[in-house]
């Protein structure tokens, strides 16, 4: 019985990601020889969804701050509400920049690794 190299690599990666501990969903080979964990979403897609949600939230916070600034200039909003909205937008932007910096730092470290 021969096992496809891609299936073996996939099973190895899954074991490495779980830290060698057994979890409730075990890795097995399906009929095509591909490794499967039985999970509905992959860690990569859930991380991608998390990043998309965070960026979307930051954009919405920025838009809310802009609209509050316009209302403040028109005299339709309290100054405290305007300052709070701008502070929230600054915090969201700071978070996005920090995450970007960490991702770039991790990428640079990976690129420095010998092959």
C-alpha atoms as a PDB file:
ATOM      1  CA  UNK A   1       0.000   0.000   0.000  1.00  0.00           C
ATOM      2  CA  UNK A   2       1.494   3.316  -1.042  1.00  0.00           C
ATOM      3  CA  UNK A   3       0.667   6.666   0.544  1.00  0.00           C
ATOM      4  CA  UNK A   4       0.790   9.901  -1.438  1.00  0.00           C
ATOM      5  CA  UNK A   5       3.592  12.175  -0.267  1.00  0.00           C
ATOM      6  CA  UNK A   6       1.207  15.147  -0.026  1.00  0.00           C
ATOM      7  CA  UNK A   7      -1.075  13.201   2.294  1.00  0.00           C
ATOM      8  CA  UNK A   8       1.873  12.261   4.500  1.00  0.00           C
ATOM      9  CA  UNK A   9       3.102  15.867   4.607  1.00  0.00           C
ATOM     10  CA  UNK A  10      -0.372  17.092   5.456  1.00  0.00           C
ATOM     11  CA  UNK A  11      -0.691  14.571   8.279  1.00  0.00           C
ATOM     12  CA  UNK A  12       2.751  15.582   9.583  1.00  0.00           C
ATOM     13  CA  UNK A  13       1.806  19.277   9.536  1.00  0.00           C
ATOM     14  CA  UNK A  14      -1.417  18.543  11.385  1.00  0.00           C
ATOM     15  CA  UNK A  15       0.463  16.590  14.042  1.00  0.00           C
ATOM     16  CA  UNK A  16       3.053  19.359  14.366  1.00  0.00           C
ATOM     17  CA  UNK A  17       0.358  22.024  14.747  1.00  0.00           C
ATOM     18  CA  UNK A  18      -1.382  20.082  17.490  1.00  0.00           C
ATOM     19  CA  UNK A  19       1.901  19.774  19.363  1.00  0.00           C
ATOM     20  CA  UNK A  20       1.867  16.022  19.216  1.00  0.00           C
ATOM     21  CA  UNK A  21      -1.131  15.788  21.535  1.00  0.00           C
ATOM     22  CA  UNK A  22      -4.201  13.881  20.555  1.00  0.00           C
ATOM     23  CA  UNK A  23      -7.369  15.853  20.120  1.00  0.00           C
ATOM     24  CA  UNK A  24     -10.995  14.908  19.763  1.00  0.00           C
ATOM     25  CA  UNK A  25     -10.674  14.939  15.962  1.00  0.00           C
ATOM     26  CA  UNK A  26      -8.019  12.607  14.659  1.00  0.00           C
ATOM     27  CA  UNK A  27      -6.283  12.786  11.289  1.00  0.00           C
ATOM     28  CA  UNK A  28      -7.099  10.055   8.821  1.00  0.00           C
ATOM     29  CA  UNK A  29      -6.667   9.355   5.125  1.00  0.00           C
ATOM     30  CA  UNK A  30      -9.794   9.456   3.029  1.00  0.00           C
ATOM     31  CA  UNK A  31     -10.478   7.345  -0.056  1.00  0.00           C
ATOM     32  CA  UNK A  32      -8.266   9.526  -2.262  1.00  0.00           C
ATOM     33  CA  UNK A  33      -5.320   9.297   0.123  1.00  0.00           C
ATOM     34  CA  UNK A  34      -5.658  12.908   1.261  1.00  0.00           C
ATOM     35  CA  UNK A  35      -5.332  13.731   4.923  1.00  0.00           C
ATOM     36  CA  UNK A  36      -8.458  14.958   6.625  1.00  0.00           C
ATOM     37  CA  UNK A  37      -9.141  16.062  10.170  1.00  0.00           C
ATOM     38  CA  UNK A  38     -12.911  16.048  10.015  1.00  0.00           C
ATOM     39  CA  UNK A  39     -13.072  19.720  10.994  1.00  0.00           C
ATOM     40  CA  UNK A  40     -15.364  22.037   9.072  1.00  0.00           C
ATOM     41  CA  UNK A  41     -13.000  25.023   8.900  1.00  0.00           C
ATOM     42  CA  UNK A  42      -9.262  25.186   8.578  1.00  0.00           C
ATOM     43  CA  UNK A  43      -7.142  27.292  10.930  1.00  0.00           C
ATOM     44  CA  UNK A  44      -6.024  29.418   7.980  1.00  0.00           C
ATOM     45  CA  UNK A  45      -9.578  30.327   6.989  1.00  0.00           C
ATOM     46  CA  UNK A  46     -10.597  31.136  10.555  1.00  0.00           C
ATOM     47  CA  UNK A  47      -7.527  33.380  10.959  1.00  0.00           C
ATOM     48  CA  UNK A  48      -8.352  35.048   7.659  1.00  0.00           C
ATOM     49  CA  UNK A  49     -11.921  35.626   8.831  1.00  0.00           C
ATOM     50  CA  UNK A  50     -10.606  37.099  12.077  1.00  0.00           C
ATOM     51  CA  UNK A  51      -8.352  39.521  10.189  1.00  0.00           C
ATOM     52  CA  UNK A  52     -11.143  40.514   7.802  1.00  0.00           C
ATOM     53  CA  UNK A  53     -13.496  41.136  10.712  1.00  0.00           C
ATOM     54  CA  UNK A  54     -10.888  43.239  12.514  1.00  0.00           C
ATOM     55  CA  UNK A  55     -10.157  45.355   9.448  1.00  0.00           C
ATOM     56  CA  UNK A  56     -13.836  45.791   8.725  1.00  0.00           C
ATOM     57  CA  UNK A  57     -14.418  46.915  12.308  1.00  0.00           C
ATOM     58  CA  UNK A  58     -11.543  49.414  12.068  1.00  0.00           C
ATOM     59  CA  UNK A  59     -12.929  50.849   8.824  1.00  0.00           C
ATOM     60  CA  UNK A  60     -16.412  51.169  10.322  1.00  0.00           C
ATOM     61  CA  UNK A  61     -14.981  52.904  13.389  1.00  0.00           C
ATOM     62  CA  UNK A  62     -13.160  55.376  11.136  1.00  0.00           C
ATOM     63  CA  UNK A  63     -16.301  56.083   9.137  1.00  0.00           C
ATOM     64  CA  UNK A  64     -18.271  56.601  12.329  1.00  0.00           C
ATOM     65  CA  UNK A  65     -15.650  59.061  13.579  1.00  0.00           C
ATOM     66  CA  UNK A  66     -15.772  60.979  10.302  1.00  0.00           C
ATOM     67  CA  UNK A  67     -19.540  61.286  10.422  1.00  0.00           C
ATOM     68  CA  UNK A  68     -19.376  62.384  14.056  1.00  0.00           C
ATOM     69  CA  UNK A  69     -16.793  65.038  13.118  1.00  0.00           C
ATOM     70  CA  UNK A  70     -19.117  66.385  10.439  1.00  0.00           C
ATOM     71  CA  UNK A  71     -21.999  66.472  12.917  1.00  0.00           C
ATOM     72  CA  UNK A  72     -19.741  68.246  15.419  1.00  0.00           C
ATOM     73  CA  UNK A  73     -18.779  70.894  12.867  1.00  0.00           C
ATOM     74  CA  UNK A  74     -22.441  71.416  12.028  1.00  0.00           C
ATOM     75  CA  UNK A  75     -23.262  71.802  15.726  1.00  0.00           C
ATOM     76  CA  UNK A  76     -25.444  68.685  15.770  1.00  0.00           C
ATOM     77  CA  UNK A  77     -23.273  66.623  18.143  1.00  0.00           C
ATOM     78  CA  UNK A  78     -21.841  67.107  21.596  1.00  0.00           C
ATOM     79  CA  UNK A  79     -18.081  67.733  21.717  1.00  0.00           C
ATOM     80  CA  UNK A  80     -17.593  64.763  24.088  1.00  0.00           C
ATOM     81  CA  UNK A  81     -19.154  62.411  21.541  1.00  0.00           C
ATOM     82  CA  UNK A  82     -16.883  63.754  18.807  1.00  0.00           C
ATOM     83  CA  UNK A  83     -13.762  63.364  20.943  1.00  0.00           C
ATOM     84  CA  UNK A  84     -14.793  59.837  21.960  1.00  0.00           C
ATOM     85  CA  UNK A  85     -15.421  58.806  18.337  1.00  0.00           C
ATOM     86  CA  UNK A  86     -12.058  60.197  17.220  1.00  0.00           C
ATOM     87  CA  UNK A  87     -10.264  58.478  20.117  1.00  0.00           C
ATOM     88  CA  UNK A  88     -11.893  55.169  19.180  1.00  0.00           C
ATOM     89  CA  UNK A  89     -10.803  55.621  15.556  1.00  0.00           C
ATOM     90  CA  UNK A  90      -7.237  56.398  16.650  1.00  0.00           C
ATOM     91  CA  UNK A  91      -7.185  53.272  18.817  1.00  0.00           C
ATOM     92  CA  UNK A  92      -8.479  51.118  15.948  1.00  0.00           C
ATOM     93  CA  UNK A  93      -5.867  52.539  13.570  1.00  0.00           C
ATOM     94  CA  UNK A  94      -3.121  51.961  16.135  1.00  0.00           C
ATOM     95  CA  UNK A  95      -4.213  48.343  16.526  1.00  0.00           C
ATOM     96  CA  UNK A  96      -4.208  47.778  12.764  1.00  0.00           C
ATOM     97  CA  UNK A  97      -0.730  49.295  12.442  1.00  0.00           C
ATOM     98  CA  UNK A  98       0.611  47.156  15.309  1.00  0.00           C
ATOM     99  CA  UNK A  99      -0.806  43.970  13.791  1.00  0.00           C
ATOM    100  CA  UNK A 100       0.678  44.893  10.413  1.00  0.00           C
ATOM    101  CA  UNK A 101       4.075  45.500  12.015  1.00  0.00           C
ATOM    102  CA  UNK A 102       3.975  42.112  13.789  1.00  0.00           C
ATOM    103  CA  UNK A 103       3.006  40.313  10.579  1.00  0.00           C
ATOM    104  CA  UNK A 104       5.824  42.011   8.663  1.00  0.00           C
ATOM    105  CA  UNK A 105       8.287  41.178  11.434  1.00  0.00           C
ATOM    106  CA  UNK A 106       7.230  37.523  11.400  1.00  0.00           C
ATOM    107  CA  UNK A 107       7.511  37.421   7.606  1.00  0.00           C
ATOM    108  CA  UNK A 108      11.015  38.887   7.726  1.00  0.00           C
ATOM    109  CA  UNK A 109      12.064  36.325  10.355  1.00  0.00           C
ATOM    110  CA  UNK A 110      10.739  33.500   8.182  1.00  0.00           C
ATOM    111  CA  UNK A 111      12.597  34.852   5.155  1.00  0.00           C
ATOM    112  CA  UNK A 112      15.844  34.880   7.173  1.00  0.00           C
ATOM    113  CA  UNK A 113      15.560  31.170   7.965  1.00  0.00           C
ATOM    114  CA  UNK A 114      17.882  28.908   5.992  1.00  0.00           C
ATOM    115  CA  UNK A 115      16.293  26.390   3.687  1.00  0.00           C
END
